[in-house]
Amino acid sequence: MRQERISTIGCAFLLCLLVAANALGQNPNPRITISLGGSQVRGDRSFVVDGDSFTSRFVDGGKVRVRGTLDLTKHLSLEGDYSLGRNNQRITELGGTPEQRDFGVRVGQVHLNLLRFFTSRKSPVRPFLTSGIGAVRFSPTSAAKALALSDEFIDDPTQIDSTTELSLAVGGGIEARFNRWVGVRFDLKDYITAVPRFGLRQTPSGPGGVFFPVSGVAHNIEAAVGIVFFFLP
């Protein structure tokens, strides 16, 4: 099922890029970048439930990202991307002997970005700034759901689920071209989104209600390096 969703997203991006290419009526310098990177989600929170103190944080992980890029002008480009990675959610119950529980979380992202290059498309080295908008989906693994339901997520057995949030992306990087067909790209980006609650309420709905009292903004910092494949010389 997850592979079908990824294929659907990829086909949608490809269609958008092809339509844009036809509209341009010129060589849009189409290219695909496949990147690997490190992912750090900065969304640590501290809270109290039933008199007990807890902290929540995301564990650093890795990410694979695929980008499709078209030049709109000599210095502006349009880009769609999809990534899949993992940043586990760690809940720590504080006390005399802190108790730590890790829940596996897959992180999927889809974005549409605008890139501003500082050199023209003919330059072999092209530094750029970028910003975009999209969505991020935090999906607990089956094992994580089973652990939360059989043991406890915060203070009681809990049913957790996937959460989808709006995401804003800002960053920059360098794209370099080795020859007519292959290049390399470096990216450093911040994906800004709401702290996920995995389908739980921020406050209890009533006495004994299950909730996850976290809120605010999380910053997903990603540093990545990738291979660029050019389709037109």
C-alpha atoms as a PDB file:
ATOM      1  CA  MET A   1       0.000   0.000   0.000  1.00  0.00           C
ATOM      2  CA  ARG A   2       2.809   2.419   0.880  1.00  0.00           C
ATOM      3  CA  GLN A   3       4.541   1.681  -2.446  1.00  0.00           C
ATOM      4  CA  GLU A   4       1.293   2.465  -4.295  1.00  0.00           C
ATOM      5  CA  ARG A   5       1.043   5.834  -2.546  1.00  0.00           C
ATOM      6  CA  ILE A   6       4.662   6.632  -3.418  1.00  0.00           C
ATOM      7  CA  SER A   7       4.065   5.694  -7.074  1.00  0.00           C
ATOM      8  CA  THR A   8       0.930   7.861  -7.230  1.00  0.00           C
ATOM      9  CA  ILE A   9       2.773  10.864  -5.801  1.00  0.00           C
ATOM     10  CA  GLY A  10       5.675  10.347  -8.178  1.00  0.00           C
ATOM     11  CA  CYS A  11       3.399  10.129 -11.220  1.00  0.00           C
ATOM     12  CA  ALA A  12       1.565  13.294 -10.165  1.00  0.00           C
ATOM     13  CA  PHE A  13       4.838  15.212  -9.878  1.00  0.00           C
ATOM     14  CA  LEU A  14       6.019  13.899 -13.241  1.00  0.00           C
ATOM     15  CA  LEU A  15       2.765  15.010 -14.878  1.00  0.00           C
ATOM     16  CA  CYS A  16       3.051  18.507 -13.363  1.00  0.00           C
ATOM     17  CA  LEU A  17       6.633  18.857 -14.566  1.00  0.00           C
ATOM     18  CA  LEU A  18       5.774  17.683 -18.079  1.00  0.00           C
ATOM     19  CA  VAL A  19       2.920  20.186 -18.312  1.00  0.00           C
ATOM     20  CA  ALA A  20       5.233  22.951 -17.129  1.00  0.00           C
ATOM     21  CA  ALA A  21       7.869  21.933 -19.683  1.00  0.00           C
ATOM     22  CA  ASN A  22       5.374  22.150 -22.543  1.00  0.00           C
ATOM     23  CA  ALA A  23       4.196  25.548 -21.332  1.00  0.00           C
ATOM     24  CA  LEU A  24       7.730  26.924 -21.315  1.00  0.00           C
ATOM     25  CA  GLY A  25       8.306  26.199 -24.999  1.00  0.00           C
ATOM     26  CA  GLN A  26      12.083  26.043 -24.484  1.00  0.00           C
ATOM     27  CA  ASN A  27      14.724  23.775 -22.993  1.00  0.00           C
ATOM     28  CA  PRO A  28      13.740  23.640 -19.293  1.00  0.00           C
ATOM     29  CA  ASN A  29      16.852  21.657 -18.343  1.00  0.00           C
ATOM     30  CA  PRO A  30      14.852  18.779 -16.764  1.00  0.00           C
ATOM     31  CA  ARG A  31      16.668  16.705 -14.160  1.00  0.00           C
ATOM     32  CA  ILE A  32      16.105  14.152 -11.424  1.00  0.00           C
ATOM     33  CA  THR A  33      18.066  14.129  -8.149  1.00  0.00           C
ATOM     34  CA  ILE A  34      18.275  11.132  -5.820  1.00  0.00           C
ATOM     35  CA  SER A  35      19.586  12.131  -2.389  1.00  0.00           C
ATOM     36  CA  LEU A  36      20.538  10.546   0.905  1.00  0.00           C
ATOM     37  CA  GLY A  37      20.689  12.597   4.065  1.00  0.00           C
ATOM     38  CA  GLY A  38      20.504  12.899   7.803  1.00  0.00           C
ATOM     39  CA  SER A  39      17.268  14.012   9.461  1.00  0.00           C
ATOM     40  CA  GLN A  40      16.972  15.766  12.817  1.00  0.00           C
ATOM     41  CA  VAL A  41      13.531  16.741  14.155  1.00  0.00           C
ATOM     42  CA  ARG A  42      13.780  19.493  16.767  1.00  0.00           C
ATOM     43  CA  GLY A  43      10.504  19.275  18.654  1.00  0.00           C
ATOM     44  CA  ASP A  44      11.440  18.371  22.233  1.00  0.00           C
ATOM     45  CA  ARG A  45       8.683  18.927  24.800  1.00  0.00           C
ATOM     46  CA  SER A  46       8.284  18.549  28.575  1.00  0.00           C
ATOM     47  CA  PHE A  47       4.902  17.985  30.234  1.00  0.00           C
ATOM     48  CA  VAL A  48       3.098  16.560  33.262  1.00  0.00           C
ATOM     49  CA  VAL A  49       0.330  13.910  33.213  1.00  0.00           C
ATOM     50  CA  ASP A  50      -1.399  12.754  36.422  1.00  0.00           C
ATOM     51  CA  GLY A  51       1.402  14.290  38.477  1.00  0.00           C
ATOM     52  CA  ASP A  52       4.171  12.466  36.580  1.00  0.00           C
ATOM     53  CA  SER A  53       6.767  14.365  34.529  1.00  0.00           C
ATOM     54  CA  PHE A  54       7.615  13.346  30.960  1.00  0.00           C
ATOM     55  CA  THR A  55       9.706  14.468  28.013  1.00  0.00           C
ATOM     56  CA  SER A  56       9.152  13.703  24.336  1.00  0.00           C
ATOM     57  CA  ARG A  57      11.675  13.998  21.527  1.00  0.00           C
ATOM     58  CA  PHE A  58      12.431  12.569  18.107  1.00  0.00           C
ATOM     59  CA  VAL A  59      15.503  10.413  17.544  1.00  0.00           C
ATOM     60  CA  ASP A  60      17.841  11.438  14.710  1.00  0.00           C
ATOM     61  CA  GLY A  61      17.452   9.336  11.570  1.00  0.00           C
ATOM     62  CA  GLY A  62      18.058   9.120   7.838  1.00  0.00           C
ATOM     63  CA  LYS A  63      16.089   9.993   4.732  1.00  0.00           C
ATOM     64  CA  VAL A  64      15.896   9.190   1.006  1.00  0.00           C
ATOM     65  CA  ARG A  65      14.580  11.950  -1.271  1.00  0.00           C
ATOM     66  CA  VAL A  66      13.744  12.126  -5.001  1.00  0.00           C
ATOM     67  CA  ARG A  67      13.505  15.522  -6.719  1.00  0.00           C
ATOM     68  CA  GLY A  68      12.287  16.527 -10.167  1.00  0.00           C
ATOM     69  CA  THR A  69      13.446  19.986 -11.294  1.00  0.00           C
ATOM     70  CA  LEU A  70      12.703  22.296 -14.247  1.00  0.00           C
ATOM     71  CA  ASP A  71      14.221  25.689 -15.051  1.00  0.00           C
ATOM     72  CA  LEU A  72      11.566  28.384 -15.539  1.00  0.00           C
ATOM     73  CA  THR A  73      14.103  31.099 -16.400  1.00  0.00           C
ATOM     74  CA  LYS A  74      17.891  31.417 -16.258  1.00  0.00           C
ATOM     75  CA  HIS A  75      17.731  31.796 -12.477  1.00  0.00           C
ATOM     76  CA  LEU A  76      14.359  30.399 -11.315  1.00  0.00           C
ATOM     77  CA  SER A  77      13.381  26.728 -11.148  1.00  0.00           C
ATOM     78  CA  LEU A  78      10.327  24.753 -10.113  1.00  0.00           C
ATOM     79  CA  GLU A  79      10.801  21.525  -8.186  1.00  0.00           C
ATOM     80  CA  GLY A  80       8.678  18.736  -6.773  1.00  0.00           C
ATOM     81  CA  ASP A  81      10.083  16.251  -4.276  1.00  0.00           C
ATOM     82  CA  TYR A  82       9.126  13.241  -2.188  1.00  0.00           C
ATOM     83  CA  SER A  83      11.067  11.726   0.708  1.00  0.00           C
ATOM     84  CA  LEU A  84      10.766   8.818   3.097  1.00  0.00           C
ATOM     85  CA  GLY A  85      12.731   8.507   6.323  1.00  0.00           C
ATOM     86  CA  ARG A  86      12.542   7.529   9.957  1.00  0.00           C
ATOM     87  CA  ASN A  87      12.643   9.543  13.169  1.00  0.00           C
ATOM     88  CA  ASN A  88      11.451   7.500  16.141  1.00  0.00           C
ATOM     89  CA  GLN A  89       9.409   9.132  18.897  1.00  0.00           C
ATOM     90  CA  ARG A  90      11.012   8.758  22.336  1.00  0.00           C
ATOM     91  CA  ILE A  91       8.934   9.206  25.498  1.00  0.00           C
ATOM     92  CA  THR A  92      10.842   9.410  28.797  1.00  0.00           C
ATOM     93  CA  GLU A  93       9.091   9.195  32.165  1.00  0.00           C
ATOM     94  CA  LEU A  94      11.214  11.138  34.625  1.00  0.00           C
ATOM     95  CA  GLY A  95      11.751  10.168  38.234  1.00  0.00           C
ATOM     96  CA  GLY A  96      14.252   8.377  40.419  1.00  0.00           C
ATOM     97  CA  THR A  97      14.929   5.914  37.594  1.00  0.00           C
ATOM     98  CA  PRO A  98      13.847   7.420  34.234  1.00  0.00           C
ATOM     99  CA  GLU A  99      11.876   5.005  32.036  1.00  0.00           C
ATOM    100  CA  GLN A 100      12.368   5.395  28.296  1.00  0.00           C
ATOM    101  CA  ARG A 101      10.097   4.091  25.514  1.00  0.00           C
ATOM    102  CA  ASP A 102      10.847   4.342  21.770  1.00  0.00           C
ATOM    103  CA  PHE A 103       8.110   4.189  19.129  1.00  0.00           C
ATOM    104  CA  GLY A 104       9.072   3.658  15.494  1.00  0.00           C
ATOM    105  CA  VAL A 105       7.867   6.497  13.242  1.00  0.00           C
ATOM    106  CA  ARG A 106       8.207   6.721   9.460  1.00  0.00           C
ATOM    107  CA  VAL A 107       8.255  10.264   8.089  1.00  0.00           C
ATOM    108  CA  GLY A 108       7.017  10.897   4.542  1.00  0.00           C
ATOM    109  CA  GLN A 109       7.208  14.336   2.924  1.00  0.00           C
ATOM    110  CA  VAL A 110       5.952  15.823  -0.338  1.00  0.00           C
ATOM    111  CA  HIS A 111       6.731  19.429  -1.379  1.00  0.00           C
ATOM    112  CA  LEU A 112       6.545  21.880  -4.248  1.00  0.00           C
ATOM    113  CA  ASN A 113       9.489  24.304  -4.200  1.00  0.00           C
ATOM    114  CA  LEU A 114      10.778  27.382  -5.979  1.00  0.00           C
ATOM    115  CA  LEU A 115      14.567  27.654  -6.393  1.00  0.00           C
ATOM    116  CA  ARG A 116      16.516  30.875  -6.958  1.00  0.00           C
ATOM    117  CA  PHE A 117      19.908  30.191  -8.539  1.00  0.00           C
ATOM    118  CA  PHE A 118      22.664  32.794  -8.376  1.00  0.00           C
ATOM    119  CA  THR A 119      24.259  31.687 -11.647  1.00  0.00           C
ATOM    120  CA  SER A 120      22.721  30.837 -15.029  1.00  0.00           C
ATOM    121  CA  ARG A 121      21.899  27.323 -16.211  1.00  0.00           C
ATOM    122  CA  LYS A 122      25.098  27.296 -18.305  1.00  0.00           C
ATOM    123  CA  SER A 123      27.269  27.604 -15.216  1.00  0.00           C
ATOM    124  CA  PRO A 124      28.846  24.321 -13.971  1.00  0.00           C
ATOM    125  CA  VAL A 125      28.321  25.385 -10.328  1.00  0.00           C
ATOM    126  CA  ARG A 126      24.969  26.831  -9.234  1.00  0.00           C
ATOM    127  CA  PRO A 127      24.415  27.903  -5.602  1.00  0.00           C
ATOM    128  CA  PHE A 128      20.764  28.478  -4.752  1.00  0.00           C
ATOM    129  CA  LEU A 129      18.154  29.375  -2.151  1.00  0.00           C
ATOM    130  CA  THR A 130      14.809  27.601  -2.001  1.00  0.00           C
ATOM    131  CA  SER A 131      11.426  27.726  -0.313  1.00  0.00           C
ATOM    132  CA  GLY A 132       8.301  25.651  -0.688  1.00  0.00           C
ATOM    133  CA  ILE A 133       5.107  24.255   0.745  1.00  0.00           C
ATOM    134  CA  GLY A 134       3.883  20.718   1.213  1.00  0.00           C
ATOM    135  CA  ALA A 135       2.831  18.109   3.726  1.00  0.00           C
ATOM    136  CA  VAL A 136       4.523  15.717   6.119  1.00  0.00           C
ATOM    137  CA  ARG A 137       3.041  12.478   7.410  1.00  0.00           C
ATOM    138  CA  PHE A 138       4.245  10.942  10.682  1.00  0.00           C
ATOM    139  CA  SER A 139       3.293   7.241  10.587  1.00  0.00           C
ATOM    140  CA  PRO A 140       3.855   4.978  13.615  1.00  0.00           C
ATOM    141  CA  THR A 141       4.975   1.493  12.638  1.00  0.00           C
ATOM    142  CA  SER A 142       2.804  -1.541  13.372  1.00  0.00           C
ATOM    143  CA  ALA A 143       5.177  -2.473  16.194  1.00  0.00           C
ATOM    144  CA  ALA A 144       4.890   1.030  17.678  1.00  0.00           C
ATOM    145  CA  LYS A 145       1.079   0.897  17.591  1.00  0.00           C
ATOM    146  CA  ALA A 146       1.098  -2.516  19.249  1.00  0.00           C
ATOM    147  CA  LEU A 147       3.513  -1.330  21.961  1.00  0.00           C
ATOM    148  CA  ALA A 148       1.426   1.766  22.749  1.00  0.00           C
ATOM    149  CA  LEU A 149      -1.775  -0.294  22.931  1.00  0.00           C
ATOM    150  CA  SER A 150      -0.425  -3.221  24.928  1.00  0.00           C
ATOM    151  CA  ASP A 151       1.814  -1.273  27.324  1.00  0.00           C
ATOM    152  CA  GLU A 152       1.491   2.512  27.428  1.00  0.00           C
ATOM    153  CA  PHE A 153       2.280   5.542  25.300  1.00  0.00           C
ATOM    154  CA  ILE A 154       2.289   8.199  28.023  1.00  0.00           C
ATOM    155  CA  ASP A 155       0.568   6.919  31.147  1.00  0.00           C
ATOM    156  CA  ASP A 156      -1.969   4.368  29.849  1.00  0.00           C
ATOM    157  CA  PRO A 157      -2.428   1.900  26.972  1.00  0.00           C
ATOM    158  CA  THR A 158      -3.206   4.125  23.985  1.00  0.00           C
ATOM    159  CA  GLN A 159      -4.228   3.785  20.360  1.00  0.00           C
ATOM    160  CA  ILE A 160      -1.963   5.991  18.236  1.00  0.00           C
ATOM    161  CA  ASP A 161      -2.306   6.700  14.535  1.00  0.00           C
ATOM    162  CA  SER A 162      -0.701   8.576  11.638  1.00  0.00           C
ATOM    163  CA  THR A 163      -0.712  12.380  11.576  1.00  0.00           C
ATOM    164  CA  THR A 164      -0.485  14.618   8.494  1.00  0.00           C
ATOM    165  CA  GLU A 165       0.606  18.241   8.906  1.00  0.00           C
ATOM    166  CA  LEU A 166       1.197  21.217   6.610  1.00  0.00           C
ATOM    167  CA  SER A 167       4.902  21.858   6.048  1.00  0.00           C
ATOM    168  CA  LEU A 168       6.936  24.901   5.001  1.00  0.00           C
ATOM    169  CA  ALA A 169      10.435  24.339   3.596  1.00  0.00           C
ATOM    170  CA  VAL A 170      13.322  26.835   3.495  1.00  0.00           C
ATOM    171  CA  GLY A 171      16.985  26.314   2.760  1.00  0.00           C
ATOM    172  CA  GLY A 172      19.705  26.364   0.170  1.00  0.00           C
ATOM    173  CA  GLY A 173      22.437  24.393  -1.480  1.00  0.00           C
ATOM    174  CA  ILE A 174      24.729  23.905  -4.462  1.00  0.00           C
ATOM    175  CA  GLU A 175      24.126  22.078  -7.728  1.00  0.00           C
ATOM    176  CA  ALA A 176      27.194  21.184  -9.784  1.00  0.00           C
ATOM    177  CA  ARG A 177      27.387  19.556 -13.200  1.00  0.00           C
ATOM    178  CA  PHE A 178      30.207  17.145 -14.065  1.00  0.00           C
ATOM    179  CA  ASN A 179      29.267  16.635 -17.728  1.00  0.00           C
ATOM    180  CA  ARG A 180      26.240  16.697 -20.053  1.00  0.00           C
ATOM    181  CA  TRP A 181      24.397  13.997 -18.136  1.00  0.00           C
ATOM    182  CA  VAL A 182      25.494  13.776 -14.476  1.00  0.00           C
ATOM    183  CA  GLY A 183      26.070  16.141 -11.581  1.00  0.00           C
ATOM    184  CA  VAL A 184      25.975  16.386  -7.796  1.00  0.00           C
ATOM    185  CA  ARG A 185      23.838  18.400  -5.406  1.00  0.00           C
ATOM    186  CA  PHE A 186      24.146  19.430  -1.749  1.00  0.00           C
ATOM    187  CA  ASP A 187      21.129  20.604   0.282  1.00  0.00           C
ATOM    188  CA  LEU A 188      20.584  22.012   3.762  1.00  0.00           C
ATOM    189  CA  LYS A 189      16.899  22.588   4.523  1.00  0.00           C
ATOM    190  CA  ASP A 190      14.500  23.197   7.385  1.00  0.00           C
ATOM    191  CA  TYR A 191      11.043  21.636   7.084  1.00  0.00           C
ATOM    192  CA  ILE A 192       8.786  23.506   9.525  1.00  0.00           C
ATOM    193  CA  THR A 193       5.633  21.773  10.742  1.00  0.00           C
ATOM    194  CA  ALA A 194       3.399  21.320  13.774  1.00  0.00           C
ATOM    195  CA  VAL A 195       4.495  18.872  16.467  1.00  0.00           C
ATOM    196  CA  PRO A 196       2.517  15.671  15.748  1.00  0.00           C
ATOM    197  CA  ARG A 197       0.190  14.140  18.347  1.00  0.00           C
ATOM    198  CA  PHE A 198      -0.521  10.871  16.496  1.00  0.00           C
ATOM    199  CA  GLY A 199      -4.278  11.280  16.493  1.00  0.00           C
ATOM    200  CA  LEU A 200      -4.528  12.180  20.184  1.00  0.00           C
ATOM    201  CA  ARG A 201      -6.114  15.227  21.784  1.00  0.00           C
ATOM    202  CA  GLN A 202      -3.916  17.916  23.315  1.00  0.00           C
ATOM    203  CA  THR A 203      -6.182  18.049  26.402  1.00  0.00           C
ATOM    204  CA  PRO A 204      -8.332  15.287  27.962  1.00  0.00           C
ATOM    205  CA  SER A 205     -11.945  15.041  26.768  1.00  0.00           C
ATOM    206  CA  GLY A 206     -13.017  14.065  30.276  1.00  0.00           C
ATOM    207  CA  PRO A 207     -11.903  12.250  33.431  1.00  0.00           C
ATOM    208  CA  GLY A 208      -9.526   9.459  32.502  1.00  0.00           C
ATOM    209  CA  GLY A 209      -9.333  10.609  28.877  1.00  0.00           C
ATOM    210  CA  VAL A 210      -6.177   9.797  26.928  1.00  0.00           C
ATOM    211  CA  PHE A 211      -4.248  12.807  25.583  1.00  0.00           C
ATOM    212  CA  PHE A 212      -0.804  13.985  24.474  1.00  0.00           C
ATOM    213  CA  PRO A 213      -0.174  17.534  25.812  1.00  0.00           C
ATOM    214  CA  VAL A 214       2.293  18.796  23.205  1.00  0.00           C
ATOM    215  CA  SER A 215       1.921  21.656  20.732  1.00  0.00           C
ATOM    216  CA  GLY A 216       3.902  24.239  18.813  1.00  0.00           C
ATOM    217  CA  VAL A 217       6.325  23.998  15.912  1.00  0.00           C
ATOM    218  CA  ALA A 218       8.891  21.335  15.032  1.00  0.00           C
ATOM    219  CA  HIS A 219      11.914  21.945  12.795  1.00  0.00           C
ATOM    220  CA  ASN A 220      13.051  19.005  10.658  1.00  0.00           C
ATOM    221  CA  ILE A 221      16.648  19.859   9.703  1.00  0.00           C
ATOM    222  CA  GLU A 222      17.939  17.851   6.754  1.00  0.00           C
ATOM    223  CA  ALA A 223      21.446  17.771   5.272  1.00  0.00           C
ATOM    224  CA  ALA A 224      21.656  15.724   2.081  1.00  0.00           C
ATOM    225  CA  VAL A 225      23.879  14.907  -0.870  1.00  0.00           C
ATOM    226  CA  GLY A 226      22.612  13.501  -4.139  1.00  0.00           C
ATOM    227  CA  ILE A 227      23.354  12.508  -7.711  1.00  0.00           C
ATOM    228  CA  VAL A 228      21.725  14.624 -10.437  1.00  0.00           C
ATOM    229  CA  PHE A 229      20.686  13.071 -13.752  1.00  0.00           C
ATOM    230  CA  PHE A 230      20.182  15.529 -16.640  1.00  0.00           C
ATOM    231  CA  PHE A 231      17.886  14.548 -19.534  1.00  0.00           C
ATOM    232  CA  LEU A 232      18.748  17.207 -22.101  1.00  0.00           C
ATOM    233  CA  PRO A 233      22.343  18.273 -22.849  1.00  0.00           C
END
